Every structure is written in C-alpha cells, then in structure tokens.
C-alpha cells in the first residue's frame, strides 16, 4: 500500500519540482501561444506546461509496474510526444490524426494482452478501444479552453477512478488514477487563476490518453459504464452536442467557432474561474450519480441515470436559458485558450 501511494505521489512530486523549470524553459525557447486575429486570449503565454504531468505519469507507471502499466505508459508516451511536437511546431491535421490513431492502437493492443480473452474478441475490443482513445484525446483537447478547466476535470476523474480501482480490486487502476489527480492538482496553481502557462497539446493529449486508457480498463474489469462516464460526461456531451448542432445547421463546422457551451458562458460574461467551478461542480454531481450504479440497486441506478441525463440536458440548453432571462455579467470574459478552442484548432491548427 505504501509503495502504491509512493508511486502515485511521484507524479505530483514531478509536477511540483519540474513545473517552474518547464515554464522558464518554455519562455526561453519562445514556445508561446501568441494571440492572432482569431485568438481568444490576449497575452502571449507559454504552452507545454503539461510536460511534467506526462513525465510524472510515466514515472508512476514505472514504479507501479504491472500488466496494465504498459498500455498506460504507451498511451501517455506516444500521445504526449505527439502533443509536444505539435506544441513546438504545429503539425498538419492529417498527420496528427494518423499518429493519434497509431499511438492509440498500440496502447489498445497492449491493454488487450492482459485481458486473456479469445483472440477474435481481443481484436474487436482493441479496435473499439483504439477509436475511444483517439476520440477522447481530441475531446479533452477541444474542451481545454478556459483557465483550469481541464486540470480540474482531470482531478475529479482521477479521484473517482481511484475509488473505482479500490472497488474493483484493481491496484494499478487506483494508483494510476491517483497519479492523474495528483498531477492535475499540482498543476492547477499555474493555470487556474492567472494563466502562467497552458497545458498545451502535450498536457491535454497525455491527460486525455491517460483517462481514456483508465476508463477502458475499468469497463473491461467490470466497472459499470455510468460510473466511468460520470466524470467525463460534461466534456463528451459538450463536444458531441456542439458538433451535431453545427452539422445539422449546415454550418462550416471545420472552421473556427466559439459555440461550445462553456465558451458561450464566457461570452455571456462568466469568468474563467466561474466556468471552471460550475462545470467542475456539475461533473462532481454526475460522478456521484454515476457511482449509484455500483450499488447493484436497479431502481436507484435508473433514477440516477435519468437525473444525470436531465442535468446534462440543462447544461447543454443553459445558454438559451441565460439569453431568455437576460442573465449575464456586465463585461464579457474572453475564453483563454489553454491548448485548443474548439474542434477546429485540432483539425486546422491552434488559434494562438
């Protein structure tokens, strides 16, 4: 147990010690998000601050070595390295997608090797898991658009998954999830108030990949889907809702936009901190509702599922509600890009 806690704490310790040096290095090497005409931030800010988190997660995987650690380490390494390359020099969208899919496939294949299932089933599951990892890495990147939001959600998801690992008696799930939570917690002071540094693609890719692998492993080990999706539901719902709305409206959804729900909250005048706190609070509620599935009580589970869907529907419709009642702050607060503002930066290049 002490060894597991040490492995998890290693990630937080890495961020605590390495983040100041990383910020200084990024500034020295001019790895900055510089505002242009379509940017939402106004001050050049270092990007790539998630590098210590990625390094810390790899250290945790090495210290808590078991079968699942290889898949976890591969996802963080391959996707994190891709994100770092994109932070240093923007890569073509097609190249990013191909490399994301390749890294996800390697991680999914490694995860299947410890599942001990029939070969045909393992191959099918590997394909599904690879698509899931690729998709969620992009979702996490798309939603990383206000100060502190992604670190806060990684903290919530990491804490929840650590509990699920204990429930399912899967030590690596709990240890790796605690590491995610620790790394996110120690990064928050650098980003949640004044943004001294952004996660960058290296951070959003590494955290997104880590959570995607942990979610897949948890489902494969019998943790109910609602419990797994609860901490991720806001990110998945906001991205999916925004994309389908733009497609149905025949809008050019491959072009830059500011129509994610959390972005509309910013445009209505909510500060970064308010958006992060409110979406974080919603994620905590959805996590608690999802955890009802662990009880085995079918009526309770169904009621919790319906309540969670109602909360998500309210969140997705909130901009319309705010406009109808005239509920907005006096001065709009621009959403500052922490790595990507929407679907488009991932496909067409970062706005900053």
Protein backbone atom coordinates (compact mmCIF):
# COMPACT_ATOMS: atom_id res chain seq x y z
CA UNK A 1 0.00 0.00 0.00
CA UNK A 2 2.82 2.39 0.90
CA UNK A 3 4.54 1.54 -2.37
CA UNK A 4 1.36 2.31 -4.30
CA UNK A 5 0.96 5.68 -2.60
CA UNK A 6 4.59 6.48 -3.33
CA UNK A 7 4.10 5.64 -7.00
CA UNK A 8 1.02 7.86 -7.19
CA UNK A 9 2.71 10.70 -5.31
CA UNK A 10 5.64 10.55 -7.73
CA UNK A 11 3.54 12.30 -10.37
CA UNK A 12 2.60 15.14 -8.06
CA UNK A 13 6.20 15.49 -6.92
CA UNK A 14 7.41 15.66 -10.51
CA UNK A 15 4.98 18.46 -11.31
CA UNK A 16 5.83 20.33 -8.11
CA UNK A 17 9.56 20.27 -8.83
CA UNK A 18 9.64 20.46 -12.62
CA UNK A 19 6.88 22.96 -13.44
CA UNK A 20 8.88 26.11 -12.55
CA UNK A 21 11.80 24.90 -14.67
CA UNK A 22 9.45 23.96 -17.51
CA UNK A 23 7.80 27.39 -17.55
CA UNK A 24 11.19 29.09 -17.59
CA UNK A 25 12.38 26.84 -20.40
CA UNK A 26 9.26 27.40 -22.49
CA UNK A 27 9.70 31.15 -22.17
CA UNK A 28 13.38 30.93 -23.03
CA UNK A 29 12.66 28.87 -26.14
CA UNK A 30 9.66 31.07 -27.05
CA UNK A 31 7.19 28.18 -27.03
CA UNK A 32 4.26 30.57 -26.72
CA UNK A 33 0.63 30.89 -27.72
CA UNK A 34 0.82 34.28 -29.40
CA UNK A 35 -2.59 35.94 -30.00
CA UNK A 36 -3.68 36.48 -33.59
CA UNK A 37 -6.92 37.76 -35.10
CA UNK A 38 -8.90 34.60 -34.28
CA UNK A 39 -7.40 34.00 -30.84
CA UNK A 40 -9.43 34.30 -27.67
CA UNK A 41 -6.54 35.18 -25.40
CA UNK A 42 -4.71 38.49 -25.43
CA UNK A 43 -1.34 37.83 -23.76
CA UNK A 44 1.42 35.57 -25.16
CA UNK A 45 1.53 32.61 -22.78
CA UNK A 46 3.84 29.59 -22.67
CA UNK A 47 2.26 26.36 -23.84
CA UNK A 48 3.53 22.90 -22.98
CA UNK A 49 3.12 23.13 -19.22
CA UNK A 50 1.66 19.65 -19.17
CA UNK A 51 5.08 18.11 -19.89
CA UNK A 52 5.84 17.48 -16.19
CA UNK A 53 2.46 15.78 -15.80
CA UNK A 54 3.27 13.42 -18.66
CA UNK A 55 6.71 12.72 -17.16
CA UNK A 56 5.16 12.12 -13.74
CA UNK A 57 2.60 9.68 -15.13
CA UNK A 58 5.38 7.71 -16.80
CA UNK A 59 7.30 7.60 -13.52
CA UNK A 60 4.20 6.27 -11.77
CA UNK A 61 3.77 3.58 -14.43
CA UNK A 62 7.40 2.52 -13.95
CA UNK A 63 7.14 2.38 -10.15
CA UNK A 64 3.80 0.54 -10.14
CA UNK A 65 4.70 -1.86 -12.93
CA UNK A 66 2.12 -4.49 -13.82
CA UNK A 67 0.37 -5.72 -16.93
CA UNK A 68 -1.81 -2.64 -17.47
CA UNK A 69 1.05 -0.20 -16.92
CA UNK A 70 2.49 -0.94 -20.38
CA UNK A 71 -0.70 0.22 -22.12
CA UNK A 72 -0.93 3.26 -19.85
CA UNK A 73 2.72 4.20 -20.41
CA UNK A 74 2.44 3.69 -24.17
CA UNK A 75 -0.59 5.98 -24.43
CA UNK A 76 1.00 8.74 -22.33
CA UNK A 77 4.33 8.46 -24.14
CA UNK A 78 3.11 8.25 -27.73
CA UNK A 79 0.25 10.73 -27.47
CA UNK A 80 2.18 13.06 -25.17
CA UNK A 81 5.18 13.09 -27.54
CA UNK A 82 2.85 13.90 -30.43
CA UNK A 83 1.37 16.76 -28.43
CA UNK A 84 4.82 18.07 -27.56
CA UNK A 85 5.83 18.01 -31.22
CA UNK A 86 2.67 19.96 -32.07
CA UNK A 87 3.43 22.49 -29.33
CA UNK A 88 6.94 23.00 -30.67
CA UNK A 89 5.91 23.11 -34.31
CA UNK A 90 2.32 22.82 -35.49
CA UNK A 91 1.78 19.58 -37.38
CA UNK A 92 -0.66 19.07 -40.27
CA UNK A 93 -4.08 17.90 -39.13
CA UNK A 94 -3.91 14.69 -41.15
CA UNK A 95 -0.52 13.82 -39.67
CA UNK A 96 -1.81 14.39 -36.14
CA UNK A 97 -4.85 12.20 -36.70
CA UNK A 98 -2.84 9.36 -38.22
CA UNK A 99 -0.29 9.43 -35.41
CA UNK A 100 -3.03 9.66 -32.78
CA UNK A 101 -4.69 6.58 -34.23
CA UNK A 102 -1.39 4.72 -34.38
CA UNK A 103 -0.50 5.53 -30.77
CA UNK A 104 -3.99 4.60 -29.63
CA UNK A 105 -3.81 1.29 -31.49
CA UNK A 106 -0.51 0.39 -29.80
CA UNK A 107 -1.94 1.20 -26.38
CA UNK A 108 -5.17 -0.70 -27.06
CA UNK A 109 -3.23 -3.73 -28.26
CA UNK A 110 -1.09 -3.76 -25.12
CA UNK A 111 -4.20 -3.44 -22.96
CA UNK A 112 -5.79 -6.44 -24.65
CA UNK A 113 -2.75 -8.63 -23.94
CA UNK A 114 -3.58 -8.63 -20.23
CA UNK A 115 -7.31 -9.30 -20.69
CA UNK A 116 -6.88 -13.02 -21.51
CA UNK A 117 -9.88 -13.27 -23.82
CA UNK A 118 -10.42 -15.15 -27.10
CA UNK A 119 -8.30 -13.75 -29.92
CA UNK A 120 -11.24 -12.64 -32.06
CA UNK A 121 -12.79 -10.84 -29.10
CA UNK A 122 -9.49 -9.17 -28.23
CA UNK A 123 -9.08 -7.90 -31.79
CA UNK A 124 -12.59 -6.44 -31.84
CA UNK A 125 -12.17 -4.83 -28.44
CA UNK A 126 -8.78 -3.43 -29.43
CA UNK A 127 -10.35 -1.63 -32.37
CA UNK A 128 -13.10 -0.17 -30.17
CA UNK A 129 -10.61 0.91 -27.51
CA UNK A 130 -8.29 2.50 -30.08
CA UNK A 131 -11.17 4.54 -31.52
CA UNK A 132 -12.21 5.52 -27.98
CA UNK A 133 -8.71 6.69 -27.03
CA UNK A 134 -8.29 8.69 -30.23
CA UNK A 135 -11.70 10.28 -29.85
CA UNK A 136 -11.38 11.18 -26.19
CA UNK A 137 -7.90 12.65 -26.60
CA UNK A 138 -9.41 15.07 -29.10
CA UNK A 139 -12.44 15.75 -26.91
CA UNK A 140 -10.17 16.59 -23.98
CA UNK A 141 -8.12 18.86 -26.21
CA UNK A 142 -11.18 20.62 -27.65
CA UNK A 143 -12.53 21.42 -24.19
CA UNK A 144 -9.27 22.80 -22.82
CA UNK A 145 -10.29 26.38 -23.41
CA UNK A 146 -10.54 28.24 -20.10
CA UNK A 147 -8.09 28.51 -17.28
CA UNK A 148 -8.10 25.49 -15.00
CA UNK A 149 -10.95 23.59 -16.64
CA UNK A 150 -9.04 20.54 -17.84
CA UNK A 151 -6.84 20.22 -14.76
CA UNK A 152 -9.96 20.44 -12.59
CA UNK A 153 -11.77 17.77 -14.59
CA UNK A 154 -8.70 15.51 -14.60
CA UNK A 155 -8.56 15.91 -10.81
CA UNK A 156 -12.22 14.91 -10.48
CA UNK A 157 -11.93 11.97 -12.87
CA UNK A 158 -8.67 10.78 -11.32
CA UNK A 159 -10.13 10.82 -7.81
CA UNK A 160 -13.25 8.97 -8.97
CA UNK A 161 -11.32 6.32 -10.89
CA UNK A 162 -9.02 5.77 -7.92
CA UNK A 163 -12.09 4.87 -5.85
CA UNK A 164 -13.34 2.59 -8.60
CA UNK A 165 -9.98 0.84 -8.68
CA UNK A 166 -10.33 0.09 -4.97
CA UNK A 167 -13.93 -1.10 -5.53
CA UNK A 168 -12.88 -3.39 -8.39
CA UNK A 169 -9.72 -4.51 -6.55
CA UNK A 170 -7.52 -3.34 -9.42
CA UNK A 171 -4.42 -1.78 -7.82
CA UNK A 172 -2.99 -0.19 -10.95
CA UNK A 173 -6.30 1.48 -11.78
CA UNK A 174 -6.34 3.15 -8.38
CA UNK A 175 -2.62 4.03 -8.40
CA UNK A 176 -2.56 5.48 -11.92
CA UNK A 177 -5.78 7.39 -11.25
CA UNK A 178 -4.36 8.87 -8.06
CA UNK A 179 -1.33 9.94 -10.08
CA UNK A 180 -3.56 11.72 -12.60
CA UNK A 181 -5.34 13.50 -9.76
CA UNK A 182 -2.08 14.47 -8.06
CA UNK A 183 -0.52 15.81 -11.25
CA UNK A 184 -3.62 17.84 -12.11
CA UNK A 185 -3.88 19.22 -8.57
CA UNK A 186 -0.26 20.42 -8.55
CA UNK A 187 -0.67 21.99 -11.99
CA UNK A 188 -3.78 23.99 -11.07
CA UNK A 189 -1.97 26.88 -9.30
CA UNK A 190 -0.11 27.57 -12.53
CA UNK A 191 -3.26 27.83 -14.62
CA UNK A 192 -6.48 28.29 -12.69
CA UNK A 193 -6.09 31.98 -11.79
CA UNK A 194 -3.74 33.98 -13.92
CA UNK A 195 -2.51 31.55 -16.55
CA UNK A 196 1.26 31.45 -16.14
CA UNK A 197 1.33 28.51 -18.53
CA UNK A 198 -1.08 26.40 -20.58
CA UNK A 199 -1.23 22.61 -20.56
CA UNK A 200 -0.50 22.67 -24.26
CA UNK A 201 -1.14 19.73 -26.50
CA UNK A 202 1.44 17.69 -24.61
CA UNK A 203 -0.62 18.06 -21.45
CA UNK A 204 -4.08 17.67 -22.94
CA UNK A 205 -3.02 14.69 -25.06
CA UNK A 206 -1.26 12.97 -22.16
CA UNK A 207 -4.09 13.53 -19.68
CA UNK A 208 -6.76 12.65 -22.25
CA UNK A 209 -4.90 9.46 -23.19
CA UNK A 210 -4.35 8.51 -19.55
CA UNK A 211 -8.03 8.94 -18.66
CA UNK A 212 -9.16 7.14 -21.81
CA UNK A 213 -6.97 4.11 -21.05
CA UNK A 214 -8.08 4.05 -17.41
CA UNK A 215 -11.73 4.30 -18.44
CA UNK A 216 -11.35 1.45 -20.94
CA UNK A 217 -9.51 -0.72 -18.41
CA UNK A 218 -12.16 -0.05 -15.77
CA UNK A 219 -15.01 -1.05 -18.10
CA UNK A 220 -13.16 -4.19 -19.16
CA UNK A 221 -12.74 -5.09 -15.49
CA UNK A 222 -16.44 -4.77 -14.76
CA UNK A 223 -16.91 -1.21 -13.51
CA UNK A 224 -20.36 -0.01 -14.69
CA UNK A 225 -20.38 2.35 -17.66
CA UNK A 226 -22.29 5.07 -15.81
CA UNK A 227 -19.64 5.23 -13.12
CA UNK A 228 -16.92 5.60 -15.75
CA UNK A 229 -18.75 8.16 -17.88
CA UNK A 230 -19.87 10.36 -14.98
CA UNK A 231 -16.61 12.33 -14.60
CA UNK A 232 -16.22 12.61 -18.40
CA UNK A 233 -19.84 13.37 -19.26
CA UNK A 234 -19.57 17.18 -19.46
CA UNK A 235 -16.67 17.00 -21.90
CA UNK A 236 -18.29 14.31 -24.04
CA UNK A 237 -21.72 15.95 -24.07
CA UNK A 238 -20.48 19.47 -24.83
CA UNK A 239 -18.30 18.32 -27.71
CA UNK A 240 -20.88 15.95 -29.18
CA UNK A 241 -23.73 18.45 -28.85
CA UNK A 242 -21.74 21.27 -30.43
CA UNK A 243 -20.64 19.15 -33.36
CA UNK A 244 -24.07 17.74 -34.18
CA UNK A 245 -25.69 21.16 -33.86
CA UNK A 246 -23.28 22.72 -36.32
CA UNK A 247 -23.63 19.83 -38.77
CA UNK A 248 -27.45 19.94 -38.61
CA UNK A 249 -27.41 23.71 -39.13
CA UNK A 250 -25.15 23.18 -42.15
CA UNK A 251 -22.59 25.46 -40.59
CA UNK A 252 -18.94 25.16 -41.71
CA UNK A 253 -18.01 23.07 -38.67
CA UNK A 254 -14.42 22.70 -39.90
CA UNK A 255 -13.94 26.44 -39.37
CA UNK A 256 -13.16 28.22 -36.13
CA UNK A 257 -16.10 28.81 -33.81
CA UNK A 258 -16.96 29.73 -30.26
CA UNK A 259 -20.14 27.77 -29.74
CA UNK A 260 -19.20 25.20 -27.11
CA UNK A 261 -21.48 25.67 -24.12
CA UNK A 262 -18.64 26.73 -21.83
CA UNK A 263 -17.48 29.26 -24.45
CA UNK A 264 -20.98 30.73 -24.59
CA UNK A 265 -20.85 31.09 -20.82
CA UNK A 266 -17.64 33.09 -21.24
CA UNK A 267 -19.20 35.25 -23.94
CA UNK A 268 -22.11 35.93 -21.58
CA UNK A 269 -19.65 37.38 -19.08
CA UNK A 270 -18.72 34.48 -16.82
CA UNK A 271 -15.09 34.48 -15.77
CA UNK A 272 -12.74 31.57 -16.36
CA UNK A 273 -12.86 30.67 -12.69
CA UNK A 274 -16.66 30.72 -12.61
CA UNK A 275 -16.89 28.49 -15.67
CA UNK A 276 -14.34 26.07 -14.22
CA UNK A 277 -16.09 25.96 -10.84
CA UNK A 278 -19.56 25.49 -12.31
CA UNK A 279 -18.59 22.81 -14.81
CA UNK A 280 -16.49 21.13 -12.13
CA UNK A 281 -19.42 21.12 -9.72
CA UNK A 282 -21.62 19.61 -12.43
CA UNK A 283 -19.03 16.91 -13.07
CA UNK A 284 -18.92 16.06 -9.37
CA UNK A 285 -22.72 15.69 -9.31
CA UNK A 286 -22.62 13.49 -12.40
CA UNK A 287 -19.85 11.42 -10.85
CA UNK A 288 -21.90 10.84 -7.71
CA UNK A 289 -24.95 9.91 -9.77
CA UNK A 290 -22.86 7.55 -11.88
CA UNK A 291 -21.48 5.93 -8.74
CA UNK A 292 -25.04 4.82 -7.89
CA UNK A 293 -24.53 2.09 -10.49
CA UNK A 294 -22.01 0.45 -8.13
CA UNK A 295 -24.73 -0.37 -5.60
CA UNK A 296 -26.43 -3.01 -7.73
CA UNK A 297 -29.80 -1.44 -6.94
CA UNK A 298 -31.55 -1.30 -10.33
CA UNK A 299 -34.26 1.29 -9.44
CA UNK A 300 -31.65 3.56 -7.83
CA UNK A 301 -29.39 3.17 -10.84
CA UNK A 302 -32.18 4.02 -13.27
CA UNK A 303 -33.20 7.07 -11.23
CA UNK A 304 -29.61 8.26 -11.06
CA UNK A 305 -29.20 7.78 -14.82
CA UNK A 306 -32.30 9.85 -15.52
CA UNK A 307 -31.16 12.57 -13.13
CA UNK A 308 -27.75 12.67 -14.80
CA UNK A 309 -29.29 12.97 -18.26
CA UNK A 310 -31.53 15.78 -17.00
CA UNK A 311 -28.51 17.67 -15.62
CA UNK A 312 -26.65 17.29 -18.90
CA UNK A 313 -29.69 18.46 -20.86
CA UNK A 314 -29.90 21.51 -18.60
CA UNK A 315 -26.23 22.25 -19.13
CA UNK A 316 -26.50 21.96 -22.90
CA UNK A 317 -29.54 24.22 -23.01
CA UNK A 318 -28.23 26.73 -20.47
CA UNK A 319 -27.03 29.35 -23.00
CA UNK A 320 -30.54 29.62 -24.42
CA UNK A 321 -31.97 29.88 -20.91
CA UNK A 322 -29.48 32.59 -19.93
CA UNK A 323 -30.35 34.61 -23.01
CA UNK A 324 -34.08 34.36 -22.33
CA UNK A 325 -33.81 35.65 -18.78
CA UNK A 326 -31.07 38.15 -19.58
CA UNK A 327 -28.72 36.51 -17.08
CA UNK A 328 -25.21 37.67 -17.98
CA UNK A 329 -22.46 39.66 -16.36
CA UNK A 330 -21.83 43.20 -17.47
CA UNK A 331 -18.47 42.62 -19.12
CA UNK A 332 -17.84 39.56 -21.30
CA UNK A 333 -14.82 37.48 -20.35
CA UNK A 334 -12.86 36.09 -23.31
CA UNK A 335 -12.22 32.38 -23.10
CA UNK A 336 -8.47 31.96 -22.97
CA UNK A 337 -7.16 29.07 -24.98
CA UNK A 338 -5.31 26.51 -22.91
CA UNK A 339 -4.44 24.34 -25.86
CA UNK A 340 -7.35 24.35 -28.32
CA UNK A 341 -10.54 26.37 -28.51
CA UNK A 342 -12.80 24.03 -30.40
CA UNK A 343 -12.99 21.22 -32.92
CA UNK A 344 -11.27 23.41 -35.49
CA UNK A 345 -7.88 24.11 -33.89
CA UNK A 346 -7.33 20.37 -33.70
CA UNK A 347 -8.10 20.00 -37.38
CA UNK A 348 -6.81 23.24 -38.80
CA UNK A 349 -4.22 24.44 -36.32
CA UNK A 350 -4.13 26.24 -33.00
CA UNK A 351 -5.66 29.74 -32.86
CA UNK A 352 -2.90 31.19 -30.73
